[in-house]
Structures are given as structure tokens and as C-alpha cells.
N, C-alpha and C. Protein backbone atom coordinates (compact mmCIF):
# COMPACT_ATOMS: atom_id res chain seq x y z
N UNK A 1 9.88 17.75 -25.28
CA UNK A 1 8.60 17.87 -24.88
C UNK A 1 8.53 19.19 -23.96
N UNK A 2 7.45 19.96 -24.02
CA UNK A 2 7.37 21.07 -23.16
C UNK A 2 7.22 20.69 -21.73
N UNK A 3 7.68 21.56 -20.85
CA UNK A 3 7.70 21.16 -19.39
C UNK A 3 6.24 20.93 -18.91
N UNK A 4 5.31 21.83 -19.31
CA UNK A 4 3.98 21.56 -18.87
C UNK A 4 3.34 20.27 -19.19
N UNK A 5 3.59 19.87 -20.46
CA UNK A 5 3.01 18.60 -20.99
C UNK A 5 3.71 17.39 -20.22
N UNK A 6 5.03 17.58 -20.07
CA UNK A 6 5.74 16.53 -19.37
C UNK A 6 5.27 16.30 -17.93
N UNK A 7 4.98 17.41 -17.26
CA UNK A 7 4.44 17.34 -15.94
C UNK A 7 3.07 16.75 -15.74
N UNK A 8 2.24 17.14 -16.82
CA UNK A 8 0.96 16.64 -16.87
C UNK A 8 0.86 15.18 -17.15
N UNK A 9 1.66 14.69 -18.05
CA UNK A 9 1.77 13.26 -18.32
C UNK A 9 2.29 12.45 -17.21
N UNK A 10 3.26 12.96 -16.49
CA UNK A 10 3.85 12.37 -15.36
C UNK A 10 2.82 12.26 -14.20
N UNK A 11 1.96 13.31 -14.11
CA UNK A 11 0.95 13.29 -13.07
C UNK A 11 -0.13 12.32 -13.35
N UNK A 12 -0.49 12.28 -14.60
CA UNK A 12 -1.60 11.31 -15.05
C UNK A 12 -1.17 9.87 -14.82
N UNK A 13 0.01 9.54 -15.34
CA UNK A 13 0.43 8.18 -15.25
C UNK A 13 0.82 7.83 -13.72
N UNK A 14 1.31 8.79 -13.05
CA UNK A 14 1.66 8.54 -11.58
C UNK A 14 0.29 8.23 -10.88
N UNK A 15 -0.78 8.98 -11.08
CA UNK A 15 -1.97 8.75 -10.41
C UNK A 15 -2.59 7.40 -10.83
N UNK A 16 -2.44 7.03 -12.08
CA UNK A 16 -2.97 5.74 -12.50
C UNK A 16 -2.24 4.60 -11.84
N UNK A 17 -0.92 4.75 -11.61
CA UNK A 17 -0.19 3.74 -10.94
C UNK A 17 -0.56 3.70 -9.44
N UNK A 18 -0.72 4.83 -8.81
CA UNK A 18 -1.14 4.91 -7.47
C UNK A 18 -2.63 4.28 -7.31
N UNK A 19 -3.50 4.56 -8.20
CA UNK A 19 -4.80 4.02 -8.16
C UNK A 19 -4.84 2.57 -8.31
N UNK A 20 -3.93 2.01 -9.14
CA UNK A 20 -3.86 0.50 -9.28
C UNK A 20 -3.34 -0.03 -7.99
N UNK A 21 -2.35 0.59 -7.33
CA UNK A 21 -1.85 0.09 -6.09
C UNK A 21 -2.82 0.12 -4.97
N UNK A 22 -3.66 1.22 -4.91
CA UNK A 22 -4.65 1.31 -3.92
C UNK A 22 -5.76 0.24 -4.06
N UNK A 23 -6.13 0.01 -5.30
CA UNK A 23 -7.15 -1.06 -5.56
C UNK A 23 -6.48 -2.47 -5.11
N UNK A 24 -5.33 -2.64 -5.42
CA UNK A 24 -4.72 -4.03 -4.87
C UNK A 24 -4.66 -4.01 -3.40
N UNK A 25 -4.36 -2.88 -2.73
CA UNK A 25 -4.31 -2.88 -1.33
C UNK A 25 -5.64 -3.07 -0.73
N UNK A 26 -6.71 -2.64 -1.41
CA UNK A 26 -8.07 -2.86 -0.83
C UNK A 26 -8.50 -4.25 -0.87
N UNK A 27 -7.93 -5.15 -1.72
CA UNK A 27 -8.28 -6.55 -1.81
C UNK A 27 -7.56 -7.33 -0.81
N UNK A 28 -6.45 -6.90 -0.18
CA UNK A 28 -5.72 -7.64 0.74
C UNK A 28 -6.34 -7.44 2.17
N UNK A 29 -6.51 -8.59 2.82
CA UNK A 29 -7.16 -8.49 4.22
C UNK A 29 -6.20 -7.88 5.25
N UNK A 30 -6.04 -6.53 5.26
CA UNK A 30 -5.14 -5.91 6.11
C UNK A 30 -5.38 -6.16 7.59
N UNK A 31 -6.61 -6.16 8.02
CA UNK A 31 -7.00 -6.38 9.48
C UNK A 31 -6.44 -7.75 9.88
N UNK A 32 -6.72 -8.76 9.04
CA UNK A 32 -6.30 -10.17 9.39
C UNK A 32 -4.70 -10.16 9.49
N UNK A 33 -4.08 -9.52 8.68
CA UNK A 33 -2.59 -9.56 8.70
C UNK A 33 -2.07 -8.88 9.90
N UNK A 34 -2.61 -7.69 10.23
CA UNK A 34 -2.21 -7.03 11.48
C UNK A 34 -2.54 -7.79 12.69
N UNK A 35 -3.68 -8.51 12.74
CA UNK A 35 -4.03 -9.33 13.85
C UNK A 35 -3.02 -10.51 13.98
N UNK A 36 -2.66 -11.13 12.94
CA UNK A 36 -1.67 -12.14 13.02
C UNK A 36 -0.27 -11.62 13.51
N UNK A 37 0.16 -10.55 13.08
CA UNK A 37 1.36 -9.90 13.51
C UNK A 37 1.23 -9.55 15.04
N UNK A 38 0.19 -9.02 15.42
CA UNK A 38 0.03 -8.70 16.85
C UNK A 38 -0.01 -10.00 17.67
N UNK A 39 -0.73 -10.99 17.24
CA UNK A 39 -0.78 -12.26 17.94
C UNK A 39 0.63 -12.92 18.13
N UNK A 40 1.46 -12.79 16.98
CA UNK A 40 2.78 -13.38 17.03
C UNK A 40 3.67 -12.62 18.00
N UNK A 41 3.58 -11.30 18.04
CA UNK A 41 4.38 -10.50 18.92
C UNK A 41 4.02 -10.77 20.32
N UNK A 42 2.72 -10.75 20.58
CA UNK A 42 2.32 -10.96 21.99
C UNK A 42 2.57 -12.45 22.46
N UNK A 43 2.57 -13.36 21.49
CA UNK A 43 2.89 -14.71 21.77
C UNK A 43 4.41 -14.85 22.16
N UNK A 44 5.24 -14.14 21.50
CA UNK A 44 6.69 -14.18 21.78
C UNK A 44 6.96 -13.48 23.19
N UNK A 45 6.24 -12.32 23.44
CA UNK A 45 6.45 -11.76 24.78
C UNK A 45 5.92 -12.61 25.90
N UNK A 46 4.85 -13.31 25.69
CA UNK A 46 4.36 -14.12 26.71
C UNK A 46 5.20 -15.38 26.97
N UNK A 47 5.74 -15.89 25.95
CA UNK A 47 6.61 -17.03 26.02
C UNK A 47 7.94 -16.76 26.58
N UNK A 48 8.47 -15.52 26.49
CA UNK A 48 9.85 -15.23 27.00
C UNK A 48 9.95 -14.89 28.35
């Protein structure tokens, strides 16, 4: 395969994979997960 075509295809498929990953990340409640982590850490510090 020519170098230009290989780079183009790699970029297109790479961006498609990143796009799917970003869509999956948007469905995860990140704020709730971070709040649970912070609560757990602050709970350990307060208990110790």
C-alpha cells in the first residue's frame, strides 16, 4: 500500500475508534463516580 493511503486509512479508523470511545464515555455518569471516589477518600481520612 502507498504510504499516503496507509496513513489516511489509519487516521480514519483511528478517529472512528476514538469517536466510539468518546460516545461510551459520555454515557457513563463521570460526576457520580468522582463524587463516590472523593467521598470514600475523605471518609478514610476522617476515620483514621
